[in-house]
C-alpha cells in the first residue's frame, strides 16, 4: 500500500491510474526517469476488473518525470516483480488487476488508524496535477 501512496504523491495520479501502470509505461533508465499515465482500472458487473486504455479524460494522458523516491520505489518493485500477464506494476497475487475499491477501503482504514482521515487521494493531486 505504501508504494501505491508514494506513486500517487510523486505523480498526482488517481488510484485507478496508479493501479493501471504497466512496466511498459515506465522509463527508469532515461536521463530523467519518467512514467506515462495512459490508462485506469475499471470494475463493472459482467466485465469484472480490467484496464481501460485511457484515463478519466483526454487531458489525463501525461508523462511525469519521477522524483528520486518514486524511482527507488519502482526499482525495488521491479527487482522483486514476478511475471504477470498484464505487465502490471501492482498486480494481485494472481497477477490480475487490483480493484480500486479494495485499495480505497484499505487506505481508509490506514488513515483512520493513523488519525489522518483528512488525507484524501484528491489532496495528493493538487500539488502535481494541473488539468488532469
Protein backbone atom coordinates (compact mmCIF):
# COMPACT_ATOMS: atom_id res chain seq x y z
CA UNK A 1 0.00 0.00 0.00
CA UNK A 2 2.83 2.41 0.79
CA UNK A 3 4.24 2.05 -2.75
CA UNK A 4 0.86 2.99 -4.25
CA UNK A 5 0.65 6.04 -1.98
CA UNK A 6 4.23 7.05 -2.83
CA UNK A 7 3.46 6.96 -6.56
CA UNK A 8 0.27 8.94 -6.04
CA UNK A 9 2.31 11.58 -4.19
CA UNK A 10 5.02 11.60 -6.86
CA UNK A 11 2.73 11.78 -9.88
CA UNK A 12 -0.57 13.30 -8.80
CA UNK A 13 -2.24 10.26 -10.35
CA UNK A 14 -5.57 8.87 -9.28
CA UNK A 15 -5.69 5.46 -7.55
CA UNK A 16 -7.04 3.77 -10.69
CA UNK A 17 -4.31 5.36 -12.80
CA UNK A 18 -1.55 4.10 -10.48
CA UNK A 19 -3.07 0.61 -10.39
CA UNK A 20 -3.19 0.61 -14.22
CA UNK A 21 0.54 1.28 -14.57
CA UNK A 22 2.49 -1.32 -16.53
CA UNK A 23 6.22 -1.80 -16.73
CA UNK A 24 5.97 -0.76 -20.38
CA UNK A 25 4.79 2.68 -19.18
CA UNK A 26 7.95 3.31 -17.15
CA UNK A 27 11.37 4.55 -18.28
CA UNK A 28 13.60 4.15 -15.23
CA UNK A 29 16.84 4.28 -17.20
CA UNK A 30 16.03 7.51 -19.05
CA UNK A 31 18.14 10.61 -18.33
CA UNK A 32 15.08 11.83 -16.42
CA UNK A 33 13.22 8.72 -15.18
CA UNK A 34 9.54 9.01 -16.00
CA UNK A 35 6.27 7.19 -16.42
CA UNK A 36 3.29 7.70 -18.65
CA UNK A 37 -0.24 7.71 -17.28
CA UNK A 38 -2.34 6.27 -20.08
CA UNK A 39 -5.00 4.07 -18.51
CA UNK A 40 -7.16 3.40 -15.49
CA UNK A 41 -8.72 0.44 -13.75
CA UNK A 42 -12.45 -0.19 -14.02
CA UNK A 43 -14.66 -2.80 -12.38
CA UNK A 44 -18.04 -3.41 -13.99
CA UNK A 45 -20.73 -6.03 -13.45
CA UNK A 46 -20.43 -8.67 -16.13
CA UNK A 47 -16.99 -7.45 -17.21
CA UNK A 48 -15.04 -7.78 -13.97
CA UNK A 49 -11.93 -5.71 -13.31
CA UNK A 50 -9.95 -4.57 -16.33
CA UNK A 51 -7.56 -1.91 -17.57
CA UNK A 52 -9.25 0.79 -19.63
CA UNK A 53 -6.77 2.07 -22.21
CA UNK A 54 -7.46 5.71 -21.38
CA UNK A 55 -7.67 7.56 -18.08
CA UNK A 56 -10.59 9.70 -16.90
CA UNK A 57 -10.18 12.35 -19.63
CA UNK A 58 -8.06 13.00 -22.71
CA UNK A 59 -6.07 15.61 -20.79
CA UNK A 60 -5.29 12.96 -18.15
CA UNK A 61 -2.84 11.22 -20.50
CA UNK A 62 0.53 12.55 -19.44
CA UNK A 63 4.17 11.74 -18.89
CA UNK A 64 5.53 12.57 -15.45
CA UNK A 65 9.20 12.94 -14.54
CA UNK A 66 9.79 10.93 -11.38
CA UNK A 67 11.43 12.21 -8.21
CA UNK A 68 14.19 10.05 -6.74
CA UNK A 69 11.95 8.46 -4.09
CA UNK A 70 9.47 7.25 -6.75
CA UNK A 71 12.28 5.89 -8.92
CA UNK A 72 13.58 3.98 -5.89
CA UNK A 73 10.11 2.52 -5.21
CA UNK A 74 9.81 1.32 -8.81
CA UNK A 75 13.33 -0.11 -8.94
CA UNK A 76 12.66 -2.07 -5.74
CA UNK A 77 9.35 -3.36 -7.09
CA UNK A 78 10.96 -4.25 -10.42
CA UNK A 79 13.68 -6.27 -8.69
CA UNK A 80 11.06 -8.25 -6.74
CA UNK A 81 8.45 -8.46 -9.52
CA UNK A 82 7.04 -11.75 -10.70
CA UNK A 83 5.94 -12.02 -14.29
CA UNK A 84 2.23 -11.37 -14.80
CA UNK A 85 0.13 -11.45 -17.97
CA UNK A 86 -0.85 -7.78 -17.66
CA UNK A 87 2.68 -6.42 -17.16
CA UNK A 88 1.14 -4.71 -14.08
CA UNK A 89 3.34 -2.94 -11.57
CA UNK A 90 0.75 -3.54 -8.82
CA UNK A 91 -0.81 -6.92 -9.66
CA UNK A 92 -2.78 -9.06 -7.25
CA UNK A 93 -1.18 -12.30 -6.04
CA UNK A 94 -2.83 -13.99 -9.02
CA UNK A 95 -1.36 -11.49 -11.50
CA UNK A 96 -4.68 -9.74 -12.16
CA UNK A 97 -5.53 -6.05 -11.83
CA UNK A 98 -6.25 -4.75 -8.32
CA UNK A 99 -9.69 -3.25 -7.76
CA UNK A 100 -9.81 0.46 -6.94
CA UNK A 101 -12.48 -0.02 -4.26
CA UNK A 102 -10.32 -2.57 -2.41
CA UNK A 103 -7.37 -0.16 -2.32
CA UNK A 104 -9.65 2.68 -1.24
CA UNK A 105 -11.03 0.54 1.59
CA UNK A 106 -7.54 -0.41 2.81
CA UNK A 107 -6.42 3.20 2.65
CA UNK A 108 -9.48 4.45 4.57
CA UNK A 109 -8.63 2.00 7.36
CA UNK A 110 -4.97 3.05 7.41
CA UNK A 111 -5.96 6.73 7.58
CA UNK A 112 -8.46 6.04 10.35
CA UNK A 113 -5.93 4.03 12.38
CA UNK A 114 -3.33 6.80 12.00
CA UNK A 115 -5.79 9.62 12.80
CA UNK A 116 -5.30 11.05 9.30
CA UNK A 117 -8.87 10.91 7.98
CA UNK A 118 -8.36 14.29 6.32
CA UNK A 119 -5.67 12.90 3.96
CA UNK A 120 -7.56 12.05 0.78
CA UNK A 121 -6.41 11.00 -2.70
CA UNK A 122 -7.60 14.36 -4.02
CA UNK A 123 -5.22 16.12 -1.64
CA UNK A 124 -2.30 14.38 -3.37
CA UNK A 125 -3.41 15.59 -6.78
CA UNK A 126 -3.38 19.34 -6.08
CA UNK A 127 0.40 19.95 -5.93
CA UNK A 128 1.15 17.82 -9.01
CA UNK A 129 -1.86 17.53 -11.32
CA UNK A 130 -2.76 20.58 -13.34
CA UNK A 131 -5.51 19.84 -15.85
CA UNK A 132 -5.57 16.08 -15.44
